[in-house]
Amino acid sequence: MTTDGVGAIEKWSGFKSWIYSLILGNPERSKAIVQFAGVGPGDRVLDVGCGPGSALRHALDAGAESAAGVDPSPSMVKRAANNVPEACFSEGSAEELPYEDGSFTKVWSVAAYHHWANQDRGVAEVMRVLERSGAFYLAERQLKKGTRGHGISEADAAESAQHISETFGVSARVEKMKAGSATYLVVIGEASG
């Protein structure tokens, strides 16, 4: 890992990306985040850790004006670009988003926030690329009390929302999102215009 906390980002192989896409390429959570965020006409959306791009497919189907995705894995970016050719995809990380200031109305990261090498730097970048009245959604699968794994507990989600509010001066809160039989905890941050 580099001293800035950004160097140790996992880059999936083409085979691992293909397996992930085959098994989880269009999960209920992709539809759920688009509905949860209220995506509609005029929205410009960014998916951080976009995987195969299925959430962006749903965003465009919901009327989004434009859609973009960023993922650290070149093979996942290639797969996403093939799956959703109308969207713009880039290789990169949450900590160094390759987009102009104020480019998006909605930014989300589903089941990827816990992988960010430097969460504060990632949130700062998300805030930078959001337009002044935009919102972001950091969704992680809810972990049962006392368990560990890929996801977040209610206490950790509440702590993250409080930290984001205090550190970045935005209104942040936690809400639950259902996606099939799974429950996700979503830290929602709203930029003030």
N, C-alpha and C. Protein backbone atom coordinates (compact mmCIF):
# COMPACT_ATOMS: atom_id res chain seq x y z
N MET A 1 0.85 -1.18 0.00
CA MET A 1 0.00 0.00 0.00
C MET A 1 0.89 1.23 0.00
N THR A 2 0.47 2.24 -0.76
CA THR A 2 1.21 3.48 -0.77
C THR A 2 0.86 4.29 0.46
N THR A 3 1.62 5.34 0.72
CA THR A 3 1.42 6.14 1.93
C THR A 3 0.11 6.90 1.90
N ASP A 4 -0.47 7.14 0.74
CA ASP A 4 -1.74 7.86 0.71
C ASP A 4 -2.94 6.93 0.86
N GLY A 5 -2.71 5.63 1.01
CA GLY A 5 -3.80 4.70 1.23
C GLY A 5 -4.56 4.32 -0.01
N VAL A 6 -4.04 4.59 -1.19
CA VAL A 6 -4.78 4.31 -2.42
C VAL A 6 -4.17 3.14 -3.19
N GLY A 7 -2.96 2.72 -2.92
CA GLY A 7 -2.25 1.77 -3.75
C GLY A 7 -2.77 0.35 -3.77
N ALA A 8 -3.40 -0.13 -2.72
CA ALA A 8 -3.78 -1.54 -2.64
C ALA A 8 -5.22 -1.75 -3.09
N ILE A 9 -5.48 -1.55 -4.37
CA ILE A 9 -6.82 -1.72 -4.92
C ILE A 9 -6.83 -2.99 -5.75
N GLU A 10 -7.75 -3.88 -5.44
CA GLU A 10 -7.83 -5.17 -6.13
C GLU A 10 -8.28 -4.96 -7.58
N LYS A 11 -7.57 -5.56 -8.51
CA LYS A 11 -7.94 -5.52 -9.91
C LYS A 11 -8.25 -6.95 -10.34
N TRP A 12 -9.49 -7.18 -10.70
CA TRP A 12 -9.92 -8.53 -11.05
C TRP A 12 -9.40 -8.97 -12.41
N SER A 13 -9.15 -10.26 -12.52
CA SER A 13 -8.75 -10.84 -13.80
C SER A 13 -9.98 -10.94 -14.69
N GLY A 14 -9.74 -11.17 -15.98
CA GLY A 14 -10.86 -11.36 -16.91
C GLY A 14 -11.73 -12.53 -16.51
N PHE A 15 -11.12 -13.62 -16.04
CA PHE A 15 -11.89 -14.80 -15.64
C PHE A 15 -12.75 -14.50 -14.41
N LYS A 16 -12.17 -13.85 -13.41
CA LYS A 16 -12.93 -13.52 -12.21
C LYS A 16 -14.08 -12.56 -12.54
N SER A 17 -13.84 -11.59 -13.42
CA SER A 17 -14.90 -10.67 -13.86
C SER A 17 -16.02 -11.42 -14.56
N TRP A 18 -15.65 -12.37 -15.40
CA TRP A 18 -16.65 -13.16 -16.12
C TRP A 18 -17.50 -13.97 -15.16
N ILE A 19 -16.86 -14.63 -14.18
CA ILE A 19 -17.60 -15.41 -13.18
C ILE A 19 -18.54 -14.51 -12.38
N TYR A 20 -18.04 -13.37 -11.93
CA TYR A 20 -18.87 -12.44 -11.17
C TYR A 20 -20.08 -12.00 -12.01
N SER A 21 -19.84 -11.65 -13.26
CA SER A 21 -20.93 -11.20 -14.14
C SER A 21 -21.94 -12.31 -14.38
N LEU A 22 -21.45 -13.52 -14.51
CA LEU A 22 -22.33 -14.66 -14.75
C LEU A 22 -23.25 -14.90 -13.55
N ILE A 23 -22.69 -14.83 -12.35
CA ILE A 23 -23.45 -15.12 -11.14
C ILE A 23 -24.22 -13.91 -10.63
N LEU A 24 -23.61 -12.72 -10.66
CA LEU A 24 -24.22 -11.54 -10.07
C LEU A 24 -24.38 -10.39 -11.06
N GLY A 25 -24.39 -10.66 -12.34
CA GLY A 25 -24.42 -9.62 -13.35
C GLY A 25 -25.63 -8.73 -13.35
N ASN A 26 -26.76 -9.18 -12.86
CA ASN A 26 -27.95 -8.36 -12.84
C ASN A 26 -28.75 -8.66 -11.57
N PRO A 27 -28.14 -8.44 -10.41
CA PRO A 27 -28.82 -8.76 -9.17
C PRO A 27 -29.95 -7.77 -8.89
N GLU A 28 -30.82 -8.14 -8.00
CA GLU A 28 -31.91 -7.26 -7.58
C GLU A 28 -31.39 -5.93 -7.05
N ARG A 29 -30.20 -5.93 -6.50
CA ARG A 29 -29.69 -4.69 -5.94
C ARG A 29 -29.44 -3.63 -7.00
N SER A 30 -29.17 -4.03 -8.25
CA SER A 30 -28.99 -3.04 -9.32
C SER A 30 -30.27 -2.29 -9.59
N LYS A 31 -31.37 -3.00 -9.64
CA LYS A 31 -32.68 -2.36 -9.81
C LYS A 31 -33.03 -1.54 -8.58
N ALA A 32 -32.74 -2.12 -7.41
CA ALA A 32 -33.13 -1.47 -6.15
C ALA A 32 -32.45 -0.12 -5.96
N ILE A 33 -31.16 0.00 -6.28
CA ILE A 33 -30.47 1.27 -6.05
C ILE A 33 -31.00 2.36 -6.98
N VAL A 34 -31.36 2.00 -8.19
CA VAL A 34 -31.91 2.97 -9.14
C VAL A 34 -33.26 3.48 -8.64
N GLN A 35 -34.10 2.57 -8.16
CA GLN A 35 -35.39 2.98 -7.59
C GLN A 35 -35.19 3.77 -6.31
N PHE A 36 -34.31 3.29 -5.45
CA PHE A 36 -34.05 3.94 -4.17
C PHE A 36 -33.58 5.38 -4.36
N ALA A 37 -32.70 5.59 -5.34
CA ALA A 37 -32.16 6.93 -5.62
C ALA A 37 -33.14 7.80 -6.39
N GLY A 38 -34.24 7.22 -6.86
CA GLY A 38 -35.24 7.98 -7.58
C GLY A 38 -34.74 8.51 -8.91
N VAL A 39 -33.99 7.71 -9.62
CA VAL A 39 -33.41 8.13 -10.90
C VAL A 39 -34.53 8.38 -11.92
N GLY A 40 -34.40 9.48 -12.63
CA GLY A 40 -35.39 9.82 -13.65
C GLY A 40 -34.79 10.75 -14.69
N PRO A 41 -35.65 11.29 -15.57
CA PRO A 41 -35.18 12.19 -16.63
C PRO A 41 -34.38 13.36 -16.05
N GLY A 42 -33.30 13.68 -16.73
CA GLY A 42 -32.45 14.78 -16.31
C GLY A 42 -31.31 14.37 -15.39
N ASP A 43 -31.38 13.17 -14.81
CA ASP A 43 -30.31 12.74 -13.92
C ASP A 43 -29.08 12.32 -14.71
N ARG A 44 -27.93 12.65 -14.14
CA ARG A 44 -26.63 12.22 -14.64
C ARG A 44 -26.03 11.40 -13.51
N VAL A 45 -25.88 10.10 -13.74
CA VAL A 45 -25.51 9.19 -12.65
C VAL A 45 -24.12 8.60 -12.82
N LEU A 46 -23.49 8.34 -11.67
CA LEU A 46 -22.18 7.70 -11.62
C LEU A 46 -22.25 6.53 -10.66
N ASP A 47 -21.75 5.38 -11.10
CA ASP A 47 -21.67 4.18 -10.27
C ASP A 47 -20.18 3.93 -9.97
N VAL A 48 -19.80 4.05 -8.70
CA VAL A 48 -18.41 3.86 -8.28
C VAL A 48 -18.25 2.41 -7.84
N GLY A 49 -17.41 1.67 -8.58
CA GLY A 49 -17.31 0.22 -8.38
C GLY A 49 -18.42 -0.44 -9.17
N CYS A 50 -18.55 -0.04 -10.43
CA CYS A 50 -19.71 -0.37 -11.27
C CYS A 50 -19.82 -1.84 -11.64
N GLY A 51 -18.75 -2.62 -11.49
CA GLY A 51 -18.84 -4.02 -11.89
C GLY A 51 -19.25 -4.12 -13.35
N PRO A 52 -20.15 -5.05 -13.68
CA PRO A 52 -20.56 -5.25 -15.07
C PRO A 52 -21.53 -4.20 -15.61
N GLY A 53 -21.88 -3.20 -14.81
CA GLY A 53 -22.68 -2.09 -15.31
C GLY A 53 -24.18 -2.25 -15.25
N SER A 54 -24.68 -3.28 -14.60
CA SER A 54 -26.13 -3.54 -14.64
C SER A 54 -26.96 -2.43 -14.00
N ALA A 55 -26.47 -1.77 -12.96
CA ALA A 55 -27.24 -0.68 -12.35
C ALA A 55 -27.37 0.49 -13.33
N LEU A 56 -26.34 0.71 -14.13
CA LEU A 56 -26.40 1.81 -15.11
C LEU A 56 -27.37 1.49 -16.24
N ARG A 57 -27.48 0.21 -16.60
CA ARG A 57 -28.49 -0.19 -17.58
C ARG A 57 -29.89 0.20 -17.07
N HIS A 58 -30.16 -0.10 -15.78
CA HIS A 58 -31.45 0.24 -15.19
C HIS A 58 -31.64 1.75 -15.08
N ALA A 59 -30.57 2.49 -14.79
CA ALA A 59 -30.67 3.94 -14.70
C ALA A 59 -31.05 4.55 -16.04
N LEU A 60 -30.43 4.08 -17.11
CA LEU A 60 -30.78 4.59 -18.44
C LEU A 60 -32.21 4.20 -18.81
N ASP A 61 -32.61 2.99 -18.45
CA ASP A 61 -33.99 2.56 -18.71
C ASP A 61 -34.99 3.40 -17.94
N ALA A 62 -34.57 3.94 -16.77
CA ALA A 62 -35.43 4.80 -15.96
C ALA A 62 -35.45 6.24 -16.46
N GLY A 63 -34.69 6.53 -17.51
CA GLY A 63 -34.72 7.86 -18.11
C GLY A 63 -33.54 8.75 -17.80
N ALA A 64 -32.51 8.24 -17.15
CA ALA A 64 -31.35 9.08 -16.86
C ALA A 64 -30.80 9.69 -18.15
N GLU A 65 -30.39 10.93 -18.06
CA GLU A 65 -29.83 11.64 -19.20
C GLU A 65 -28.49 11.04 -19.63
N SER A 66 -27.69 10.66 -18.62
CA SER A 66 -26.40 10.05 -18.92
C SER A 66 -26.00 9.15 -17.76
N ALA A 67 -25.10 8.23 -18.04
CA ALA A 67 -24.64 7.27 -17.04
C ALA A 67 -23.16 7.01 -17.24
N ALA A 68 -22.44 6.92 -16.12
CA ALA A 68 -21.02 6.64 -16.15
C ALA A 68 -20.68 5.67 -15.03
N GLY A 69 -19.63 4.89 -15.25
CA GLY A 69 -19.19 3.96 -14.23
C GLY A 69 -17.68 3.96 -14.15
N VAL A 70 -17.18 3.71 -12.95
CA VAL A 70 -15.75 3.61 -12.74
C VAL A 70 -15.50 2.34 -11.93
N ASP A 71 -14.45 1.62 -12.29
CA ASP A 71 -14.09 0.39 -11.60
C ASP A 71 -12.57 0.23 -11.70
N PRO A 72 -11.93 -0.30 -10.65
CA PRO A 72 -10.48 -0.45 -10.72
C PRO A 72 -10.00 -1.58 -11.63
N SER A 73 -10.92 -2.45 -12.04
CA SER A 73 -10.53 -3.60 -12.85
C SER A 73 -10.73 -3.34 -14.34
N PRO A 74 -9.64 -3.37 -15.13
CA PRO A 74 -9.77 -3.16 -16.57
C PRO A 74 -10.73 -4.17 -17.21
N SER A 75 -10.70 -5.42 -16.75
CA SER A 75 -11.58 -6.43 -17.35
C SER A 75 -13.04 -6.15 -17.01
N MET A 76 -13.32 -5.61 -15.83
CA MET A 76 -14.70 -5.28 -15.48
C MET A 76 -15.17 -4.07 -16.28
N VAL A 77 -14.30 -3.09 -16.49
CA VAL A 77 -14.65 -1.92 -17.30
C VAL A 77 -14.98 -2.36 -18.72
N LYS A 78 -14.20 -3.27 -19.27
CA LYS A 78 -14.45 -3.76 -20.62
C LYS A 78 -15.80 -4.49 -20.68
N ARG A 79 -16.07 -5.32 -19.68
CA ARG A 79 -17.34 -6.06 -19.64
C ARG A 79 -18.52 -5.08 -19.54
N ALA A 80 -18.38 -4.07 -18.67
CA ALA A 80 -19.45 -3.08 -18.50
C ALA A 80 -19.70 -2.32 -19.80
N ALA A 81 -18.63 -1.92 -20.48
CA ALA A 81 -18.78 -1.19 -21.74
C ALA A 81 -19.48 -2.03 -22.80
N ASN A 82 -19.23 -3.33 -22.79
CA ASN A 82 -19.93 -4.22 -23.72
C ASN A 82 -21.40 -4.38 -23.34
N ASN A 83 -21.68 -4.42 -22.03
CA ASN A 83 -23.05 -4.62 -21.55
C ASN A 83 -23.92 -3.37 -21.71
N VAL A 84 -23.32 -2.19 -21.54
CA VAL A 84 -24.08 -0.93 -21.58
C VAL A 84 -23.30 0.07 -22.45
N PRO A 85 -23.34 -0.11 -23.78
CA PRO A 85 -22.53 0.74 -24.64
C PRO A 85 -22.92 2.22 -24.63
N GLU A 86 -24.13 2.55 -24.17
CA GLU A 86 -24.56 3.95 -24.12
C GLU A 86 -23.92 4.71 -22.95
N ALA A 87 -23.37 4.00 -21.99
CA ALA A 87 -22.75 4.63 -20.83
C ALA A 87 -21.26 4.83 -21.07
N CYS A 88 -20.66 5.67 -20.24
CA CYS A 88 -19.22 5.95 -20.31
C CYS A 88 -18.55 5.26 -19.14
N PHE A 89 -17.54 4.45 -19.41
CA PHE A 89 -16.85 3.72 -18.34
C PHE A 89 -15.37 4.07 -18.33
N SER A 90 -14.83 4.12 -17.11
CA SER A 90 -13.42 4.44 -16.93
C SER A 90 -12.80 3.52 -15.88
N GLU A 91 -11.54 3.21 -16.09
CA GLU A 91 -10.80 2.49 -15.07
C GLU A 91 -10.34 3.51 -14.03
N GLY A 92 -10.56 3.19 -12.76
CA GLY A 92 -10.14 4.11 -11.72
C GLY A 92 -10.67 3.70 -10.37
N SER A 93 -10.43 4.54 -9.39
CA SER A 93 -10.85 4.24 -8.03
C SER A 93 -11.68 5.39 -7.48
N ALA A 94 -12.36 5.12 -6.36
CA ALA A 94 -13.16 6.15 -5.70
C ALA A 94 -12.28 7.33 -5.28
N GLU A 95 -11.04 7.04 -4.95
CA GLU A 95 -10.15 8.07 -4.45
C GLU A 95 -9.62 9.02 -5.52
N GLU A 96 -9.77 8.66 -6.77
CA GLU A 96 -9.29 9.49 -7.88
C GLU A 96 -10.26 9.38 -9.05
N LEU A 97 -11.44 9.95 -8.91
CA LEU A 97 -12.46 9.84 -9.95
C LEU A 97 -12.08 10.67 -11.17
N PRO A 98 -12.12 10.08 -12.35
CA PRO A 98 -11.69 10.76 -13.57
C PRO A 98 -12.79 11.60 -14.22
N TYR A 99 -13.45 12.46 -13.42
CA TYR A 99 -14.56 13.27 -13.93
C TYR A 99 -14.42 14.70 -13.43
N GLU A 100 -15.05 15.61 -14.17
CA GLU A 100 -15.01 17.03 -13.83
C GLU A 100 -15.87 17.32 -12.60
N ASP A 101 -15.57 18.42 -11.93
CA ASP A 101 -16.36 18.88 -10.80
C ASP A 101 -17.82 19.06 -11.22
N GLY A 102 -18.75 18.68 -10.35
CA GLY A 102 -20.17 18.92 -10.58
C GLY A 102 -20.78 18.18 -11.75
N SER A 103 -20.21 17.04 -12.15
CA SER A 103 -20.67 16.33 -13.34
C SER A 103 -21.95 15.52 -13.15
N PHE A 104 -22.30 15.17 -11.91
CA PHE A 104 -23.39 14.21 -11.69
C PHE A 104 -24.43 14.71 -10.69
N THR A 105 -25.67 14.27 -10.89
CA THR A 105 -26.75 14.58 -9.95
C THR A 105 -26.85 13.51 -8.87
N LYS A 106 -26.47 12.28 -9.21
CA LYS A 106 -26.53 11.16 -8.27
C LYS A 106 -25.30 10.28 -8.45
N VAL A 107 -24.71 9.91 -7.32
CA VAL A 107 -23.55 9.01 -7.32
C VAL A 107 -23.84 7.91 -6.32
N TRP A 108 -23.57 6.66 -6.72
CA TRP A 108 -23.73 5.57 -5.75
C TRP A 108 -22.58 4.59 -5.84
N SER A 109 -22.46 3.83 -4.75
CA SER A 109 -21.51 2.74 -4.67
C SER A 109 -22.23 1.62 -3.93
N VAL A 110 -22.42 0.50 -4.61
CA VAL A 110 -23.18 -0.62 -4.02
C VAL A 110 -22.22 -1.78 -3.76
N ALA A 111 -22.13 -2.17 -2.50
CA ALA A 111 -21.28 -3.29 -2.07
C ALA A 111 -19.82 -3.09 -2.45
N ALA A 112 -19.37 -1.83 -2.49
CA ALA A 112 -17.97 -1.55 -2.82
C ALA A 112 -17.32 -0.60 -1.83
N TYR A 113 -18.10 0.17 -1.10
CA TYR A 113 -17.56 1.16 -0.15
C TYR A 113 -16.57 0.52 0.83
N HIS A 114 -16.88 -0.69 1.28
CA HIS A 114 -15.99 -1.35 2.24
C HIS A 114 -14.65 -1.75 1.61
N HIS A 115 -14.55 -1.70 0.27
CA HIS A 115 -13.30 -2.01 -0.42
C HIS A 115 -12.45 -0.75 -0.67
N TRP A 116 -13.03 0.43 -0.49
CA TRP A 116 -12.28 1.65 -0.78
C TRP A 116 -11.03 1.71 0.09
N ALA A 117 -9.90 2.01 -0.51
CA ALA A 117 -8.63 2.06 0.23
C ALA A 117 -8.60 3.23 1.21
N ASN A 118 -9.23 4.35 0.87
CA ASN A 118 -9.26 5.53 1.74
C ASN A 118 -10.66 6.13 1.63
N GLN A 119 -11.53 5.79 2.56
CA GLN A 119 -12.94 6.18 2.47
C GLN A 119 -13.12 7.70 2.52
N ASP A 120 -12.36 8.39 3.36
CA ASP A 120 -12.51 9.85 3.40
C ASP A 120 -12.13 10.49 2.06
N ARG A 121 -11.05 10.01 1.48
CA ARG A 121 -10.63 10.57 0.19
C ARG A 121 -11.68 10.23 -0.89
N GLY A 122 -12.25 9.02 -0.81
CA GLY A 122 -13.30 8.64 -1.76
C GLY A 122 -14.54 9.52 -1.62
N VAL A 123 -14.98 9.76 -0.39
CA VAL A 123 -16.15 10.63 -0.18
C VAL A 123 -15.86 12.04 -0.67
N ALA A 124 -14.65 12.54 -0.42
CA ALA A 124 -14.28 13.86 -0.91
C ALA A 124 -14.38 13.92 -2.43
N GLU A 125 -13.93 12.88 -3.11
CA GLU A 125 -14.03 12.83 -4.57
C GLU A 125 -15.48 12.76 -5.04
N VAL A 126 -16.29 11.95 -4.34
CA VAL A 126 -17.71 11.87 -4.68
C VAL A 126 -18.36 13.25 -4.54
N MET A 127 -18.05 13.95 -3.45
CA MET A 127 -18.59 15.29 -3.25
C MET A 127 -18.13 16.25 -4.35
N ARG A 128 -16.91 16.09 -4.80
CA ARG A 128 -16.37 16.95 -5.84
C ARG A 128 -17.12 16.79 -7.15
N VAL A 129 -17.43 15.54 -7.53
CA VAL A 129 -18.07 15.31 -8.83
C VAL A 129 -19.58 15.49 -8.79
N LEU A 130 -20.16 15.65 -7.59
CA LEU A 130 -21.59 15.91 -7.48
C LEU A 130 -21.90 17.37 -7.81
N GLU A 131 -23.04 17.59 -8.47
CA GLU A 131 -23.47 18.97 -8.64
C GLU A 131 -23.92 19.49 -7.27
N ARG A 132 -24.09 20.78 -7.16
CA ARG A 132 -24.33 21.42 -5.86
C ARG A 132 -25.56 20.91 -5.12
N SER A 133 -26.56 20.42 -5.82
CA SER A 133 -27.77 19.92 -5.14
C SER A 133 -27.90 18.41 -5.30
N GLY A 134 -26.79 17.72 -5.58
CA GLY A 134 -26.83 16.27 -5.81
C GLY A 134 -26.84 15.45 -4.53
N ALA A 135 -26.93 14.14 -4.72
CA ALA A 135 -26.95 13.22 -3.58
C ALA A 135 -26.11 11.98 -3.90
N PHE A 136 -25.54 11.40 -2.83
CA PHE A 136 -24.81 10.15 -3.01
C PHE A 136 -25.36 9.08 -2.08
N TYR A 137 -25.13 7.81 -2.49
CA TYR A 137 -25.70 6.65 -1.80
C TYR A 137 -24.60 5.59 -1.68
N LEU A 138 -24.21 5.31 -0.44
CA LEU A 138 -23.20 4.28 -0.17
C LEU A 138 -23.93 3.09 0.43
N ALA A 139 -24.20 2.08 -0.39
CA ALA A 139 -25.03 0.94 0.02
C ALA A 139 -24.17 -0.29 0.28
N GLU A 140 -24.36 -0.86 1.45
CA GLU A 140 -23.66 -2.09 1.84
C GLU A 140 -24.68 -3.07 2.42
N ARG A 141 -24.48 -4.33 2.13
CA ARG A 141 -25.36 -5.36 2.68
C ARG A 141 -25.31 -5.30 4.21
N GLN A 142 -26.48 -5.36 4.84
CA GLN A 142 -26.56 -5.30 6.29
C GLN A 142 -26.06 -6.60 6.90
N LEU A 143 -25.10 -6.47 7.78
CA LEU A 143 -24.58 -7.63 8.50
C LEU A 143 -25.42 -7.86 9.75
N LYS A 144 -25.65 -9.12 10.04
CA LYS A 144 -26.36 -9.46 11.27
C LYS A 144 -25.48 -9.12 12.46
N LYS A 145 -26.11 -8.77 13.56
CA LYS A 145 -25.39 -8.38 14.77
C LYS A 145 -24.38 -9.47 15.16
N GLY A 146 -23.15 -9.03 15.39
CA GLY A 146 -22.10 -9.96 15.82
C GLY A 146 -21.40 -10.70 14.70
N THR A 147 -21.76 -10.43 13.44
CA THR A 147 -21.10 -11.11 12.32
C THR A 147 -20.16 -10.15 11.61
N ARG A 148 -19.24 -10.71 10.84
CA ARG A 148 -18.30 -9.92 10.06
C ARG A 148 -18.39 -10.40 8.61
N GLY A 149 -17.87 -9.62 7.71
CA GLY A 149 -17.87 -10.02 6.32
C GLY A 149 -18.04 -8.84 5.40
N HIS A 150 -18.45 -9.12 4.18
CA HIS A 150 -18.66 -8.07 3.17
C HIS A 150 -19.98 -7.39 3.46
N GLY A 151 -19.92 -6.23 4.06
CA GLY A 151 -21.11 -5.48 4.41
C GLY A 151 -20.83 -4.56 5.57
N ILE A 152 -21.91 -4.13 6.24
CA ILE A 152 -21.78 -3.17 7.32
C ILE A 152 -22.88 -3.42 8.35
N SER A 153 -22.56 -3.17 9.60
CA SER A 153 -23.54 -3.30 10.68
C SER A 153 -24.31 -1.98 10.81
N GLU A 154 -25.43 -2.02 11.50
CA GLU A 154 -26.20 -0.79 11.72
C GLU A 154 -25.37 0.24 12.47
N ALA A 155 -24.63 -0.22 13.49
CA ALA A 155 -23.81 0.71 14.28
C ALA A 155 -22.72 1.35 13.42
N ASP A 156 -22.07 0.55 12.57
CA ASP A 156 -21.02 1.10 11.71
C ASP A 156 -21.58 2.04 10.65
N ALA A 157 -22.77 1.73 10.15
CA ALA A 157 -23.40 2.62 9.17
C ALA A 157 -23.73 3.96 9.82
N ALA A 158 -24.28 3.93 11.02
CA ALA A 158 -24.61 5.17 11.73
C ALA A 158 -23.35 5.97 12.02
N GLU A 159 -22.27 5.29 12.41
CA GLU A 159 -21.00 5.96 12.67
C GLU A 159 -20.45 6.59 11.39
N SER A 160 -20.58 5.88 10.26
CA SER A 160 -20.11 6.42 8.98
C SER A 160 -20.89 7.68 8.60
N ALA A 161 -22.21 7.64 8.77
CA ALA A 161 -23.04 8.80 8.44
C ALA A 161 -22.66 10.00 9.31
N GLN A 162 -22.46 9.76 10.59
CA GLN A 162 -22.09 10.85 11.49
C GLN A 162 -20.72 11.41 11.11
N HIS A 163 -19.77 10.52 10.82
CA HIS A 163 -18.42 10.96 10.43
C HIS A 163 -18.48 11.79 9.14
N ILE A 164 -19.24 11.33 8.17
CA ILE A 164 -19.35 12.07 6.90
C ILE A 164 -19.98 13.43 7.14
N SER A 165 -21.03 13.49 7.96
CA SER A 165 -21.68 14.78 8.27
C SER A 165 -20.69 15.75 8.90
N GLU A 166 -19.95 15.26 9.89
CA GLU A 166 -19.02 16.13 10.61
C GLU A 166 -17.81 16.51 9.77
N THR A 167 -17.29 15.58 8.99
CA THR A 167 -16.07 15.82 8.22
C THR A 167 -16.32 16.65 6.98
N PHE A 168 -17.44 16.41 6.31
CA PHE A 168 -17.68 17.05 5.02
C PHE A 168 -18.77 18.11 5.05
N GLY A 169 -19.40 18.31 6.20
CA GLY A 169 -20.41 19.36 6.32
C GLY A 169 -21.64 19.14 5.47
N VAL A 170 -22.02 17.88 5.30
CA VAL A 170 -23.22 17.55 4.53
C VAL A 170 -24.21 16.85 5.44
N SER A 171 -25.45 16.87 5.03
CA SER A 171 -26.48 16.13 5.76
C SER A 171 -26.39 14.66 5.35
N ALA A 172 -26.02 13.78 6.28
CA ALA A 172 -25.91 12.35 5.98
C ALA A 172 -26.77 11.56 6.95
N ARG A 173 -27.42 10.53 6.45
CA ARG A 173 -28.28 9.69 7.27
C ARG A 173 -28.21 8.26 6.74
N VAL A 174 -28.80 7.32 7.48
CA VAL A 174 -28.83 5.92 7.07
C VAL A 174 -30.27 5.49 6.87
N GLU A 175 -30.53 4.81 5.76
CA GLU A 175 -31.84 4.22 5.50
C GLU A 175 -31.61 2.79 5.03
N LYS A 176 -32.68 2.00 5.10
CA LYS A 176 -32.61 0.61 4.64
C LYS A 176 -33.19 0.50 3.23
N MET A 177 -32.58 -0.40 2.45
CA MET A 177 -33.05 -0.67 1.09
C MET A 177 -33.20 -2.18 0.95
N LYS A 178 -34.34 -2.63 0.52
CA LYS A 178 -34.56 -4.05 0.24
C LYS A 178 -34.18 -4.34 -1.20
N ALA A 179 -33.51 -5.46 -1.39
CA ALA A 179 -33.13 -5.91 -2.73
C ALA A 179 -33.33 -7.42 -2.74
N GLY A 180 -34.48 -7.87 -3.20
CA GLY A 180 -34.82 -9.28 -3.12
C GLY A 180 -34.96 -9.65 -1.65
N SER A 181 -34.27 -10.68 -1.21
CA SER A 181 -34.34 -11.09 0.19
C SER A 181 -33.28 -10.41 1.05
N ALA A 182 -32.41 -9.63 0.45
CA ALA A 182 -31.33 -8.96 1.19
C ALA A 182 -31.75 -7.55 1.61
N THR A 183 -31.15 -7.12 2.72
CA THR A 183 -31.34 -5.75 3.19
C THR A 183 -30.00 -5.05 3.11
N TYR A 184 -30.02 -3.83 2.57
CA TYR A 184 -28.83 -3.01 2.48
C TYR A 184 -29.01 -1.77 3.35
N LEU A 185 -27.94 -1.37 4.00
CA LEU A 185 -27.91 -0.11 4.72
C LEU A 185 -27.28 0.90 3.79
N VAL A 186 -27.94 2.04 3.62
CA VAL A 186 -27.49 3.05 2.69
C VAL A 186 -27.20 4.34 3.42
N VAL A 187 -25.94 4.77 3.36
CA VAL A 187 -25.57 6.08 3.88
C VAL A 187 -25.85 7.06 2.76
N ILE A 188 -26.76 7.98 3.02
CA ILE A 188 -27.17 8.96 2.02
C ILE A 188 -26.59 10.30 2.40
N GLY A 189 -25.91 10.93 1.48
CA GLY A 189 -25.38 12.27 1.69
C GLY A 189 -25.95 13.21 0.67
N GLU A 190 -26.37 14.37 1.14
CA GLU A 190 -26.96 15.35 0.24
C GLU A 190 -26.15 16.63 0.27
N ALA A 191 -25.66 17.01 -0.89
CA ALA A 191 -24.93 18.26 -1.00
C ALA A 191 -25.94 19.40 -0.91
N SER A 192 -25.51 20.50 -0.36
CA SER A 192 -26.43 21.65 -0.27
C SER A 192 -26.10 22.62 -1.38
N GLY A 193 -27.16 23.09 -2.04
CA GLY A 193 -26.99 24.01 -3.17
C GLY A 193 -26.70 25.34 -2.71
